[in-house]
Amino acid sequence: MRWPQMPTTITDFNSGQDDRIQIDTVNGDETTLAALGLAVLYNGDHANIVSADDNTLVYMTLYNVDHQDIINKFASYFEVI
């Protein structure tokens, strides 16, 4: 899996409109953030997708989303390919 050098910021994500973030992996069968080596941190009005090993390494920021939904409803947010 490759992540951009700079964090990606998404301000208009809406899982109810079938928005999905595609994650390209080697085998494509990871179905949780943990399996991808990721974690989610809530920061007020946004959630950061971070490295599970180093939560200061931010890969993505999603605004106006519930961080618990990201954890509990993985397939509503991500499509692993």
PDB file of N, CA and C in Angstrom:
ATOM      1  N   MET A   1       0.853  -1.168   0.000  1.00  0.00           N
ATOM      2  CA  MET A   1       0.000   0.000   0.000  1.00  0.00           C
ATOM      3  C   MET A   1       0.896   1.226   0.000  1.00  0.00           C
ATOM      4  N   ARG A   2       0.590   2.175  -0.862  1.00  0.00           N
ATOM      5  CA  ARG A   2       1.328   3.433  -0.899  1.00  0.00           C
ATOM      6  C   ARG A   2       0.391   4.555  -0.490  1.00  0.00           C
ATOM      7  N   TRP A   3       0.899   5.420   0.341  1.00  0.00           N
ATOM      8  CA  TRP A   3       0.155   6.601   0.759  1.00  0.00           C
ATOM      9  C   TRP A   3       0.875   7.830   0.241  1.00  0.00           C
ATOM     10  N   PRO A   4       0.145   8.909   0.007  1.00  0.00           N
ATOM     11  CA  PRO A   4       0.795  10.125  -0.486  1.00  0.00           C
ATOM     12  C   PRO A   4       1.777  10.676   0.535  1.00  0.00           C
ATOM     13  N   GLN A   5       2.766  11.417   0.031  1.00  0.00           N
ATOM     14  CA  GLN A   5       3.754  12.040   0.913  1.00  0.00           C
ATOM     15  C   GLN A   5       3.089  13.025   1.873  1.00  0.00           C
ATOM     16  N   MET A   6       2.151  13.776   1.369  1.00  0.00           N
ATOM     17  CA  MET A   6       1.432  14.747   2.190  1.00  0.00           C
ATOM     18  C   MET A   6       0.066  14.166   2.535  1.00  0.00           C
ATOM     19  N   PRO A   7      -0.456  14.475   3.709  1.00  0.00           N
ATOM     20  CA  PRO A   7      -1.797  13.977   4.055  1.00  0.00           C
ATOM     21  C   PRO A   7      -2.854  14.479   3.070  1.00  0.00           C
ATOM     22  N   THR A   8      -3.807  13.627   2.788  1.00  0.00           N
ATOM     23  CA  THR A   8      -4.942  13.982   1.951  1.00  0.00           C
ATOM     24  C   THR A   8      -6.035  14.525   2.850  1.00  0.00           C
ATOM     25  N   THR A   9      -6.686  15.607   2.431  1.00  0.00           N
ATOM     26  CA  THR A   9      -7.801  16.176   3.185  1.00  0.00           C
ATOM     27  C   THR A   9      -9.064  16.042   2.349  1.00  0.00           C
ATOM     28  N   ILE A  10     -10.092  15.452   2.945  1.00  0.00           N
ATOM     29  CA  ILE A  10     -11.375  15.288   2.277  1.00  0.00           C
ATOM     30  C   ILE A  10     -12.415  16.042   3.088  1.00  0.00           C
ATOM     31  N   THR A  11     -13.051  17.028   2.475  1.00  0.00           N
ATOM     32  CA  THR A  11     -14.000  17.876   3.199  1.00  0.00           C
ATOM     33  C   THR A  11     -15.446  17.559   2.886  1.00  0.00           C
ATOM     34  N   ASP A  12     -15.706  16.797   1.831  1.00  0.00           N
ATOM     35  CA  ASP A  12     -17.095  16.574   1.405  1.00  0.00           C
ATOM     36  C   ASP A  12     -17.456  15.095   1.304  1.00  0.00           C
ATOM     37  N   PHE A  13     -16.839  14.246   2.117  1.00  0.00           N
ATOM     38  CA  PHE A  13     -17.123  12.815   2.084  1.00  0.00           C
ATOM     39  C   PHE A  13     -18.536  12.550   2.580  1.00  0.00           C
ATOM     40  N   ASN A  14     -19.260  11.667   1.871  1.00  0.00           N
ATOM     41  CA  ASN A  14     -20.608  11.316   2.272  1.00  0.00           C
ATOM     42  C   ASN A  14     -20.855   9.849   1.938  1.00  0.00           C
ATOM     43  N   SER A  15     -20.742   8.981   2.951  1.00  0.00           N
ATOM     44  CA  SER A  15     -20.934   7.550   2.706  1.00  0.00           C
ATOM     45  C   SER A  15     -22.365   7.250   2.264  1.00  0.00           C
ATOM     46  N   GLY A  16     -23.316   8.102   2.627  1.00  0.00           N
ATOM     47  CA  GLY A  16     -24.702   7.929   2.222  1.00  0.00           C
ATOM     48  C   GLY A  16     -24.911   8.138   0.732  1.00  0.00           C
ATOM     49  N   GLN A  17     -23.949   8.790   0.082  1.00  0.00           N
ATOM     50  CA  GLN A  17     -24.001   8.983  -1.371  1.00  0.00           C
ATOM     51  C   GLN A  17     -23.044   8.033  -2.078  1.00  0.00           C
ATOM     52  N   ASP A  18     -22.705   6.949  -1.385  1.00  0.00           N
ATOM     53  CA  ASP A  18     -21.817   5.915  -1.919  1.00  0.00           C
ATOM     54  C   ASP A  18     -20.395   6.397  -2.184  1.00  0.00           C
ATOM     55  N   ASP A  19     -19.950   7.465  -1.516  1.00  0.00           N
ATOM     56  CA  ASP A  19     -18.542   7.842  -1.581  1.00  0.00           C
ATOM     57  C   ASP A  19     -17.732   6.742  -0.913  1.00  0.00           C
ATOM     58  N   ARG A  20     -16.629   6.353  -1.519  1.00  0.00           N
ATOM     59  CA  ARG A  20     -15.712   5.374  -0.951  1.00  0.00           C
ATOM     60  C   ARG A  20     -14.291   5.816  -1.248  1.00  0.00           C
ATOM     61  N   ILE A  21     -13.398   5.559  -0.325  1.00  0.00           N
ATOM     62  CA  ILE A  21     -11.980   5.832  -0.511  1.00  0.00           C
ATOM     63  C   ILE A  21     -11.343   4.522  -0.947  1.00  0.00           C
ATOM     64  N   GLN A  22     -10.751   4.502  -2.132  1.00  0.00           N
ATOM     65  CA  GLN A  22     -10.134   3.282  -2.618  1.00  0.00           C
ATOM     66  C   GLN A  22      -8.727   3.148  -2.058  1.00  0.00           C
ATOM     67  N   ILE A  23      -8.440   1.954  -1.560  1.00  0.00           N
ATOM     68  CA  ILE A  23      -7.117   1.637  -1.043  1.00  0.00           C
ATOM     69  C   ILE A  23      -6.606   0.453  -1.840  1.00  0.00           C
ATOM     70  N   ASP A  24      -5.505   0.677  -2.532  1.00  0.00           N
ATOM     71  CA  ASP A  24      -4.903  -0.356  -3.362  1.00  0.00           C
ATOM     72  C   ASP A  24      -3.865  -1.100  -2.528  1.00  0.00           C
ATOM     73  N   THR A  25      -4.072  -2.403  -2.326  1.00  0.00           N
ATOM     74  CA  THR A  25      -3.159  -3.213  -1.528  1.00  0.00           C
ATOM     75  C   THR A  25      -2.630  -4.366  -2.362  1.00  0.00           C
ATOM     76  N   VAL A  26      -1.685  -5.090  -1.810  1.00  0.00           N
ATOM     77  CA  VAL A  26      -1.083  -6.209  -2.515  1.00  0.00           C
ATOM     78  C   VAL A  26      -2.099  -7.307  -2.794  1.00  0.00           C
ATOM     79  N   ASN A  27      -2.861  -7.712  -1.760  1.00  0.00           N
ATOM     80  CA  ASN A  27      -3.790  -8.826  -1.966  1.00  0.00           C
ATOM     81  C   ASN A  27      -5.258  -8.420  -1.917  1.00  0.00           C
ATOM     82  N   GLY A  28      -5.585  -7.214  -1.482  1.00  0.00           N
ATOM     83  CA  GLY A  28      -6.943  -6.709  -1.556  1.00  0.00           C
ATOM     84  C   GLY A  28      -7.956  -7.340  -0.633  1.00  0.00           C
ATOM     85  N   ASP A  29      -7.506  -8.054   0.397  1.00  0.00           N
ATOM     86  CA  ASP A  29      -8.492  -8.704   1.260  1.00  0.00           C
ATOM     87  C   ASP A  29      -8.529  -8.148   2.689  1.00  0.00           C
ATOM     88  N   GLU A  30      -7.876  -7.033   2.928  1.00  0.00           N
ATOM     89  CA  GLU A  30      -7.922  -6.405   4.244  1.00  0.00           C
ATOM     90  C   GLU A  30      -9.294  -5.756   4.443  1.00  0.00           C
ATOM     91  N   THR A  31      -9.931  -6.037   5.561  1.00  0.00           N
ATOM     92  CA  THR A  31     -11.290  -5.532   5.770  1.00  0.00           C
ATOM     93  C   THR A  31     -11.429  -4.694   7.037  1.00  0.00           C
ATOM     94  N   THR A  32     -10.328  -4.317   7.627  1.00  0.00           N
ATOM     95  CA  THR A  32     -10.362  -3.443   8.801  1.00  0.00           C
ATOM     96  C   THR A  32      -9.194  -2.466   8.724  1.00  0.00           C
ATOM     97  N   LEU A  33      -9.311  -1.375   9.460  1.00  0.00           N
ATOM     98  CA  LEU A  33      -8.195  -0.446   9.539  1.00  0.00           C
ATOM     99  C   LEU A  33      -6.971  -1.122  10.130  1.00  0.00           C
ATOM    100  N   ALA A  34      -7.180  -1.945  11.160  1.00  0.00           N
ATOM    101  CA  ALA A  34      -6.060  -2.635  11.814  1.00  0.00           C
ATOM    102  C   ALA A  34      -5.325  -3.541  10.828  1.00  0.00           C
ATOM    103  N   ALA A  35      -6.057  -4.249   9.974  1.00  0.00           N
ATOM    104  CA  ALA A  35      -5.426  -5.128   8.991  1.00  0.00           C
ATOM    105  C   ALA A  35      -4.583  -4.338   7.992  1.00  0.00           C
ATOM    106  N   LEU A  36      -4.939  -3.068   7.800  1.00  0.00           N
ATOM    107  CA  LEU A  36      -4.180  -2.190   6.916  1.00  0.00           C
ATOM    108  C   LEU A  36      -3.043  -1.477   7.648  1.00  0.00           C
ATOM    109  N   GLY A  37      -2.945  -1.703   8.957  1.00  0.00           N
ATOM    110  CA  GLY A  37      -1.924  -1.022   9.748  1.00  0.00           C
ATOM    111  C   GLY A  37      -2.273   0.421  10.041  1.00  0.00           C
ATOM    112  N   LEU A  38      -3.586   0.699  10.089  1.00  0.00           N
ATOM    113  CA  LEU A  38      -4.073   2.060  10.292  1.00  0.00           C
ATOM    114  C   LEU A  38      -4.908   2.165  11.556  1.00  0.00           C
ATOM    115  N   ALA A  39      -5.101   3.382  11.997  1.00  0.00           N
ATOM    116  CA  ALA A  39      -5.978   3.685  13.129  1.00  0.00           C
ATOM    117  C   ALA A  39      -6.677   5.005  12.817  1.00  0.00           C
ATOM    118  N   VAL A  40      -7.710   5.326  13.578  1.00  0.00           N
ATOM    119  CA  VAL A  40      -8.417   6.588  13.394  1.00  0.00           C
ATOM    120  C   VAL A  40      -8.393   7.362  14.707  1.00  0.00           C
ATOM    121  N   LEU A  41      -8.100   8.652  14.603  1.00  0.00           N
ATOM    122  CA  LEU A  41      -8.104   9.545  15.766  1.00  0.00           C
ATOM    123  C   LEU A  41      -9.113  10.646  15.522  1.00  0.00           C
ATOM    124  N   TYR A  42      -9.929  10.937  16.529  1.00  0.00           N
ATOM    125  CA  TYR A  42     -10.927  11.998  16.419  1.00  0.00           C
ATOM    126  C   TYR A  42     -10.320  13.293  16.931  1.00  0.00           C
ATOM    127  N   ASN A  43     -10.471  14.346  16.161  1.00  0.00           N
ATOM    128  CA  ASN A  43      -9.922  15.650  16.523  1.00  0.00           C
ATOM    129  C   ASN A  43     -10.967  16.747  16.363  1.00  0.00           C
ATOM    130  N   GLY A  44     -12.016  16.706  17.156  1.00  0.00           N
ATOM    131  CA  GLY A  44     -13.045  17.746  17.093  1.00  0.00           C
ATOM    132  C   GLY A  44     -13.973  17.556  15.920  1.00  0.00           C
ATOM    133  N   ASP A  45     -13.784  18.336  14.860  1.00  0.00           N
ATOM    134  CA  ASP A  45     -14.679  18.268  13.707  1.00  0.00           C
ATOM    135  C   ASP A  45     -14.158  17.377  12.591  1.00  0.00           C
ATOM    136  N   HIS A  46     -13.079  16.658  12.848  1.00  0.00           N
ATOM    137  CA  HIS A  46     -12.537  15.786  11.803  1.00  0.00           C
ATOM    138  C   HIS A  46     -11.895  14.539  12.406  1.00  0.00           C
ATOM    139  N   ALA A  47     -11.679  13.572  11.551  1.00  0.00           N
ATOM    140  CA  ALA A  47     -11.016  12.330  11.951  1.00  0.00           C
ATOM    141  C   ALA A  47      -9.754  12.180  11.116  1.00  0.00           C
ATOM    142  N   ASN A  48      -8.676  11.782  11.763  1.00  0.00           N
ATOM    143  CA  ASN A  48      -7.426  11.523  11.059  1.00  0.00           C
ATOM    144  C   ASN A  48      -7.213  10.029  10.926  1.00  0.00           C
ATOM    145  N   ILE A  49      -6.863   9.593   9.726  1.00  0.00           N
ATOM    146  CA  ILE A  49      -6.444   8.225   9.497  1.00  0.00           C
ATOM    147  C   ILE A  49      -4.929   8.241   9.638  1.00  0.00           C
ATOM    148  N   VAL A  50      -4.423   7.460  10.592  1.00  0.00           N
ATOM    149  CA  VAL A  50      -3.007   7.515  10.945  1.00  0.00           C
ATOM    150  C   VAL A  50      -2.395   6.119  10.920  1.00  0.00           C
ATOM    151  N   SER A  51      -1.079   6.078  10.990  1.00  0.00           N
ATOM    152  CA  SER A  51      -0.379   4.805  11.119  1.00  0.00           C
ATOM    153  C   SER A  51      -0.693   4.222  12.494  1.00  0.00           C
ATOM    154  N   ALA A  52      -0.987   2.938  12.538  1.00  0.00           N
ATOM    155  CA  ALA A  52      -1.259   2.285  13.821  1.00  0.00           C
ATOM    156  C   ALA A  52      -0.001   2.241  14.680  1.00  0.00           C
ATOM    157  N   ASP A  53       1.161   2.269  14.055  1.00  0.00           N
ATOM    158  CA  ASP A  53       2.421   2.233  14.789  1.00  0.00           C
ATOM    159  C   ASP A  53       2.891   3.605  15.268  1.00  0.00           C
ATOM    160  N   ASP A  54       2.465   4.660  14.569  1.00  0.00           N
ATOM    161  CA  ASP A  54       2.903   6.015  14.904  1.00  0.00           C
ATOM    162  C   ASP A  54       1.762   6.975  14.594  1.00  0.00           C
ATOM    163  N   ASN A  55       0.968   7.301  15.613  1.00  0.00           N
ATOM    164  CA  ASN A  55      -0.227   8.120  15.363  1.00  0.00           C
ATOM    165  C   ASN A  55       0.084   9.572  15.021  1.00  0.00           C
ATOM    166  N   THR A  56       1.358   9.943  14.959  1.00  0.00           N
ATOM    167  CA  THR A  56       1.705  11.277  14.472  1.00  0.00           C
ATOM    168  C   THR A  56       1.841  11.288  12.950  1.00  0.00           C
ATOM    169  N   LEU A  57       1.841  10.106  12.341  1.00  0.00           N
ATOM    170  CA  LEU A  57       1.942   9.987  10.891  1.00  0.00           C
ATOM    171  C   LEU A  57       0.527   9.962  10.309  1.00  0.00           C
ATOM    172  N   VAL A  58       0.061  11.117   9.879  1.00  0.00           N
ATOM    173  CA  VAL A  58      -1.307  11.282   9.379  1.00  0.00           C
ATOM    174  C   VAL A  58      -1.313  11.074   7.869  1.00  0.00           C
ATOM    175  N   TYR A  59      -2.148  10.122   7.421  1.00  0.00           N
ATOM    176  CA  TYR A  59      -2.289   9.855   5.988  1.00  0.00           C
ATOM    177  C   TYR A  59      -3.462  10.610   5.381  1.00  0.00           C
ATOM    178  N   MET A  60      -4.522  10.778   6.152  1.00  0.00           N
ATOM    179  CA  MET A  60      -5.741  11.342   5.604  1.00  0.00           C
ATOM    180  C   MET A  60      -6.540  12.016   6.705  1.00  0.00           C
ATOM    181  N   THR A  61      -7.194  13.118   6.356  1.00  0.00           N
ATOM    182  CA  THR A  61      -8.101  13.804   7.262  1.00  0.00           C
ATOM    183  C   THR A  61      -9.478  13.851   6.610  1.00  0.00           C
ATOM    184  N   LEU A  62     -10.478  13.381   7.343  1.00  0.00           N
ATOM    185  CA  LEU A  62     -11.864  13.400   6.865  1.00  0.00           C
ATOM    186  C   LEU A  62     -12.669  14.339   7.758  1.00  0.00           C
ATOM    187  N   TYR A  63     -13.278  15.332   7.155  1.00  0.00           N
ATOM    188  CA  TYR A  63     -14.104  16.278   7.903  1.00  0.00           C
ATOM    189  C   TYR A  63     -15.559  15.830   7.921  1.00  0.00           C
ATOM    190  N   ASN A  64     -16.242  16.193   8.990  1.00  0.00           N
ATOM    191  CA  ASN A  64     -17.681  15.956   9.141  1.00  0.00           C
ATOM    192  C   ASN A  64     -18.058  14.482   9.059  1.00  0.00           C
ATOM    193  N   VAL A  65     -17.246  13.636   9.661  1.00  0.00           N
ATOM    194  CA  VAL A  65     -17.564  12.211   9.758  1.00  0.00           C
ATOM    195  C   VAL A  65     -17.411  11.777  11.208  1.00  0.00           C
ATOM    196  N   ASP A  66     -18.120  10.752  11.564  1.00  0.00           N
ATOM    197  CA  ASP A  66     -18.040  10.189  12.912  1.00  0.00           C
ATOM    198  C   ASP A  66     -16.919   9.164  12.937  1.00  0.00           C
ATOM    199  N   HIS A  67     -15.930   9.370  13.765  1.00  0.00           N
ATOM    200  CA  HIS A  67     -14.785   8.466  13.813  1.00  0.00           C
ATOM    201  C   HIS A  67     -15.190   7.041  14.183  1.00  0.00           C
ATOM    202  N   GLN A  68     -16.228   6.878  14.984  1.00  0.00           N
ATOM    203  CA  GLN A  68     -16.701   5.533  15.334  1.00  0.00           C
ATOM    204  C   GLN A  68     -17.304   4.838  14.119  1.00  0.00           C
ATOM    205  N   ASP A  69     -17.965   5.597  13.255  1.00  0.00           N
ATOM    206  CA  ASP A  69     -18.489   5.006  12.022  1.00  0.00           C
ATOM    207  C   ASP A  69     -17.358   4.496  11.140  1.00  0.00           C
ATOM    208  N   ILE A  70     -16.266   5.233  11.081  1.00  0.00           N
ATOM    209  CA  ILE A  70     -15.124   4.787  10.287  1.00  0.00           C
ATOM    210  C   ILE A  70     -14.634   3.440  10.807  1.00  0.00           C
ATOM    211  N   ILE A  71     -14.582   3.284  12.112  1.00  0.00           N
ATOM    212  CA  ILE A  71     -14.115   2.046  12.724  1.00  0.00           C
ATOM    213  C   ILE A  71     -15.141   0.926  12.537  1.00  0.00           C
ATOM    214  N   ASN A  72     -16.398   1.216  12.851  1.00  0.00           N
ATOM    215  CA  ASN A  72     -17.434   0.180  12.878  1.00  0.00           C
ATOM    216  C   ASN A  72     -18.031  -0.153  11.512  1.00  0.00           C
ATOM    217  N   LYS A  73     -17.933   0.767  10.577  1.00  0.00           N
ATOM    218  CA  LYS A  73     -18.539   0.568   9.251  1.00  0.00           C
ATOM    219  C   LYS A  73     -17.483   0.745   8.163  1.00  0.00           C
ATOM    220  N   PHE A  74     -16.412  -0.011   8.291  1.00  0.00           N
ATOM    221  CA  PHE A  74     -15.265   0.099   7.388  1.00  0.00           C
ATOM    222  C   PHE A  74     -15.690   0.144   5.921  1.00  0.00           C
ATOM    223  N   ALA A  75     -16.543  -0.773   5.504  1.00  0.00           N
ATOM    224  CA  ALA A  75     -16.949  -0.880   4.096  1.00  0.00           C
ATOM    225  C   ALA A  75     -17.780   0.312   3.630  1.00  0.00           C
ATOM    226  N   SER A  76     -18.313   1.101   4.560  1.00  0.00           N
ATOM    227  CA  SER A  76     -19.041   2.310   4.185  1.00  0.00           C
ATOM    228  C   SER A  76     -18.096   3.451   3.814  1.00  0.00           C
ATOM    229  N   TYR A  77     -16.841   3.312   4.173  1.00  0.00           N
ATOM    230  CA  TYR A  77     -15.868   4.367   3.937  1.00  0.00           C
ATOM    231  C   TYR A  77     -14.767   3.967   2.954  1.00  0.00           C
ATOM    232  N   PHE A  78     -14.385   2.694   2.978  1.00  0.00           N
ATOM    233  CA  PHE A  78     -13.242   2.259   2.195  1.00  0.00           C
ATOM    234  C   PHE A  78     -13.594   1.109   1.259  1.00  0.00           C
ATOM    235  N   GLU A  79     -12.957   1.118   0.107  1.00  0.00           N
ATOM    236  CA  GLU A  79     -13.033   0.017  -0.838  1.00  0.00           C
ATOM    237  C   GLU A  79     -11.598  -0.457  -1.061  1.00  0.00           C
ATOM    238  N   VAL A  80     -11.303  -1.668  -0.635  1.00  0.00           N
ATOM    239  CA  VAL A  80      -9.967  -2.216  -0.814  1.00  0.00           C
ATOM    240  C   VAL A  80      -9.911  -2.939  -2.148  1.00  0.00           C
ATOM    241  N   ILE A  81      -8.928  -2.565  -2.952  1.00  0.00           N
ATOM    242  CA  ILE A  81      -8.812  -3.168  -4.290  1.00  0.00           C
ATOM    243  C   ILE A  81      -7.471  -3.857  -4.451  1.00  0.00           C
TER     244      ILE A  81
END
